[in-house]
């Protein structure tokens, strides 16, 4: 599947995102594959609180094995 970059995202940001995804384990990838579409749907509906909760879930998953996470 080929992703079309969003105009607001620079090539550097996209490359950094891809490196981060490549570093994830298979379980984290599966969970994110479910949460990211949910985040998009919440944003499209204008559900800011729900979107913020989804972002927090994603942050927790990404930071699960990291020593520091901001």
N, C-alpha and C. Protein backbone atom coordinates (compact mmCIF):
# COMPACT_ATOMS: atom_id res chain seq x y z
N UNK A 1 0.85 -1.17 0.00
CA UNK A 1 0.00 0.00 0.00
C UNK A 1 0.89 1.23 0.00
N UNK A 2 0.61 2.16 -0.86
CA UNK A 2 1.38 3.39 -0.97
C UNK A 2 0.61 4.52 -0.29
N UNK A 3 1.29 5.23 0.58
CA UNK A 3 0.67 6.35 1.29
C UNK A 3 1.01 7.65 0.58
N UNK A 4 0.03 8.50 0.44
CA UNK A 4 0.24 9.81 -0.14
C UNK A 4 0.53 10.77 1.00
N UNK A 5 1.69 11.45 0.99
CA UNK A 5 2.00 12.37 2.08
C UNK A 5 0.99 13.50 2.17
N UNK A 6 0.65 13.88 3.39
CA UNK A 6 -0.22 15.02 3.65
C UNK A 6 0.63 16.27 3.47
N UNK A 7 0.11 17.30 2.80
CA UNK A 7 0.93 18.49 2.52
C UNK A 7 1.57 19.13 3.75
N UNK A 8 0.92 19.06 4.91
CA UNK A 8 1.47 19.69 6.11
C UNK A 8 2.63 18.91 6.71
N UNK A 9 2.87 17.70 6.24
CA UNK A 9 3.93 16.85 6.79
C UNK A 9 5.14 16.92 5.86
N UNK A 10 6.28 17.26 6.44
CA UNK A 10 7.49 17.34 5.63
C UNK A 10 8.02 15.94 5.35
N UNK A 11 8.86 15.83 4.36
CA UNK A 11 9.49 14.55 4.02
C UNK A 11 10.31 14.04 5.20
N UNK A 12 10.95 14.95 5.93
CA UNK A 12 11.74 14.56 7.11
C UNK A 12 10.85 13.98 8.20
N UNK A 13 9.70 14.62 8.43
CA UNK A 13 8.77 14.12 9.45
C UNK A 13 8.23 12.75 9.07
N UNK A 14 7.91 12.58 7.81
CA UNK A 14 7.42 11.29 7.34
C UNK A 14 8.48 10.21 7.49
N UNK A 15 9.73 10.53 7.16
CA UNK A 15 10.82 9.57 7.31
C UNK A 15 11.02 9.20 8.78
N UNK A 16 10.92 10.20 9.67
CA UNK A 16 11.06 9.93 11.10
C UNK A 16 9.94 9.02 11.59
N UNK A 17 8.71 9.28 11.13
CA UNK A 17 7.58 8.44 11.50
C UNK A 17 7.81 7.00 11.04
N UNK A 18 8.25 6.84 9.82
CA UNK A 18 8.50 5.50 9.29
C UNK A 18 9.59 4.78 10.07
N UNK A 19 10.65 5.49 10.46
CA UNK A 19 11.70 4.87 11.27
C UNK A 19 11.13 4.41 12.61
N UNK A 20 10.27 5.23 13.19
CA UNK A 20 9.65 4.86 14.46
C UNK A 20 8.78 3.64 14.33
N UNK A 21 7.98 3.57 13.28
CA UNK A 21 7.11 2.42 13.06
C UNK A 21 7.95 1.17 12.82
N UNK A 22 9.04 1.31 12.07
CA UNK A 22 9.92 0.17 11.81
C UNK A 22 10.52 -0.39 13.09
N UNK A 23 10.68 0.46 14.11
CA UNK A 23 11.28 0.03 15.37
C UNK A 23 10.28 -0.67 16.29
N UNK A 24 9.00 -0.63 15.97
CA UNK A 24 7.97 -1.23 16.83
C UNK A 24 7.96 -2.74 16.69
N UNK A 25 7.49 -3.37 17.73
CA UNK A 25 7.29 -4.81 17.69
C UNK A 25 5.97 -5.14 17.01
N UNK A 26 5.75 -6.41 16.70
CA UNK A 26 4.53 -6.80 15.98
C UNK A 26 3.24 -6.53 16.76
N UNK A 27 3.26 -6.68 18.06
CA UNK A 27 2.05 -6.43 18.85
C UNK A 27 1.72 -4.94 18.83
N UNK A 28 2.73 -4.11 19.01
CA UNK A 28 2.51 -2.66 18.98
C UNK A 28 1.97 -2.23 17.62
N UNK A 29 2.50 -2.80 16.55
CA UNK A 29 2.02 -2.46 15.21
C UNK A 29 0.56 -2.83 15.02
N UNK A 30 0.17 -4.01 15.51
CA UNK A 30 -1.23 -4.43 15.36
C UNK A 30 -2.16 -3.51 16.14
N UNK A 31 -1.76 -3.15 17.34
CA UNK A 31 -2.60 -2.27 18.15
C UNK A 31 -2.72 -0.90 17.49
N UNK A 32 -1.62 -0.37 17.00
CA UNK A 32 -1.66 0.93 16.32
C UNK A 32 -2.49 0.87 15.05
N UNK A 33 -2.45 -0.26 14.37
CA UNK A 33 -3.25 -0.41 13.15
C UNK A 33 -4.74 -0.28 13.46
N UNK A 34 -5.13 -0.58 14.68
CA UNK A 34 -6.52 -0.41 15.10
C UNK A 34 -6.80 1.00 15.62
N UNK A 35 -5.85 1.57 16.33
CA UNK A 35 -6.08 2.87 16.96
C UNK A 35 -5.99 4.05 16.00
N UNK A 36 -5.10 4.00 15.03
CA UNK A 36 -4.94 5.14 14.13
C UNK A 36 -6.21 5.41 13.32
N UNK A 37 -6.85 4.39 12.72
CA UNK A 37 -8.12 4.68 12.02
C UNK A 37 -9.19 5.23 12.97
N UNK A 38 -9.19 4.75 14.22
CA UNK A 38 -10.14 5.27 15.21
C UNK A 38 -9.88 6.75 15.47
N UNK A 39 -8.61 7.12 15.57
CA UNK A 39 -8.25 8.51 15.77
C UNK A 39 -8.73 9.37 14.61
N UNK A 40 -8.54 8.90 13.41
CA UNK A 40 -8.99 9.64 12.22
C UNK A 40 -10.50 9.82 12.24
N UNK A 41 -11.23 8.76 12.57
CA UNK A 41 -12.70 8.84 12.61
C UNK A 41 -13.16 9.83 13.68
N UNK A 42 -12.51 9.81 14.84
CA UNK A 42 -12.87 10.75 15.90
C UNK A 42 -12.62 12.19 15.45
N UNK A 43 -11.50 12.41 14.81
CA UNK A 43 -11.18 13.75 14.32
C UNK A 43 -12.21 14.22 13.30
N UNK A 44 -12.60 13.33 12.39
CA UNK A 44 -13.58 13.68 11.36
C UNK A 44 -14.94 14.02 11.97
N UNK A 45 -15.28 13.37 13.09
CA UNK A 45 -16.55 13.65 13.77
C UNK A 45 -16.47 14.87 14.66
N UNK A 46 -15.27 15.39 14.87
CA UNK A 46 -15.11 16.54 15.74
C UNK A 46 -15.08 16.18 17.21
N UNK A 47 -14.81 14.93 17.54
CA UNK A 47 -14.76 14.45 18.92
C UNK A 47 -13.36 14.67 19.49
N UNK A 48 -13.11 15.89 19.95
CA UNK A 48 -11.79 16.25 20.44
C UNK A 48 -11.38 15.42 21.65
N UNK A 49 -12.29 15.23 22.60
CA UNK A 49 -11.96 14.45 23.80
C UNK A 49 -11.61 13.01 23.43
N UNK A 50 -12.39 12.42 22.55
CA UNK A 50 -12.11 11.06 22.11
C UNK A 50 -10.79 10.97 21.38
N UNK A 51 -10.51 11.97 20.55
CA UNK A 51 -9.24 11.99 19.81
C UNK A 51 -8.06 12.12 20.77
N UNK A 52 -8.20 12.95 21.79
CA UNK A 52 -7.12 13.09 22.77
C UNK A 52 -6.89 11.79 23.53
N UNK A 53 -7.97 11.08 23.86
CA UNK A 53 -7.81 9.78 24.52
C UNK A 53 -7.08 8.79 23.61
N UNK A 54 -7.44 8.79 22.33
CA UNK A 54 -6.78 7.90 21.37
C UNK A 54 -5.30 8.25 21.24
N UNK A 55 -4.99 9.55 21.20
CA UNK A 55 -3.59 9.98 21.12
C UNK A 55 -2.83 9.50 22.35
N UNK A 56 -3.45 9.59 23.52
CA UNK A 56 -2.80 9.11 24.74
C UNK A 56 -2.56 7.60 24.68
N UNK A 57 -3.54 6.85 24.19
CA UNK A 57 -3.35 5.40 24.03
C UNK A 57 -2.19 5.11 23.09
N UNK A 58 -2.12 5.85 22.00
CA UNK A 58 -1.04 5.66 21.04
C UNK A 58 0.30 6.00 21.68
N UNK A 59 0.35 7.10 22.43
CA UNK A 59 1.59 7.49 23.10
C UNK A 59 2.06 6.41 24.07
N UNK A 60 1.15 5.86 24.83
CA UNK A 60 1.49 4.80 25.78
C UNK A 60 2.06 3.59 25.05
N UNK A 61 1.44 3.21 23.95
CA UNK A 61 1.91 2.06 23.18
C UNK A 61 3.31 2.31 22.64
N UNK A 62 3.52 3.49 22.08
CA UNK A 62 4.82 3.80 21.49
C UNK A 62 5.91 3.91 22.54
N UNK A 63 5.55 4.33 23.75
CA UNK A 63 6.53 4.53 24.80
C UNK A 63 6.69 3.30 25.69
N UNK A 64 5.94 2.27 25.43
CA UNK A 64 5.92 1.08 26.27
C UNK A 64 7.32 0.55 26.58
N UNK A 65 8.18 0.48 25.58
CA UNK A 65 9.51 -0.08 25.78
C UNK A 65 10.60 0.98 25.79
N UNK A 66 10.22 2.23 25.65
CA UNK A 66 11.22 3.30 25.62
C UNK A 66 11.60 3.69 27.05
N UNK A 67 12.85 4.10 27.23
CA UNK A 67 13.29 4.53 28.55
C UNK A 67 12.71 5.89 28.91
N UNK A 68 12.66 6.79 27.94
CA UNK A 68 12.09 8.12 28.19
C UNK A 68 11.07 8.42 27.11
N UNK A 69 10.04 9.07 27.51
CA UNK A 69 9.00 9.46 26.56
C UNK A 69 8.45 10.80 27.00
N UNK A 70 8.33 11.72 26.08
CA UNK A 70 7.86 13.08 26.41
C UNK A 70 6.42 13.24 26.05
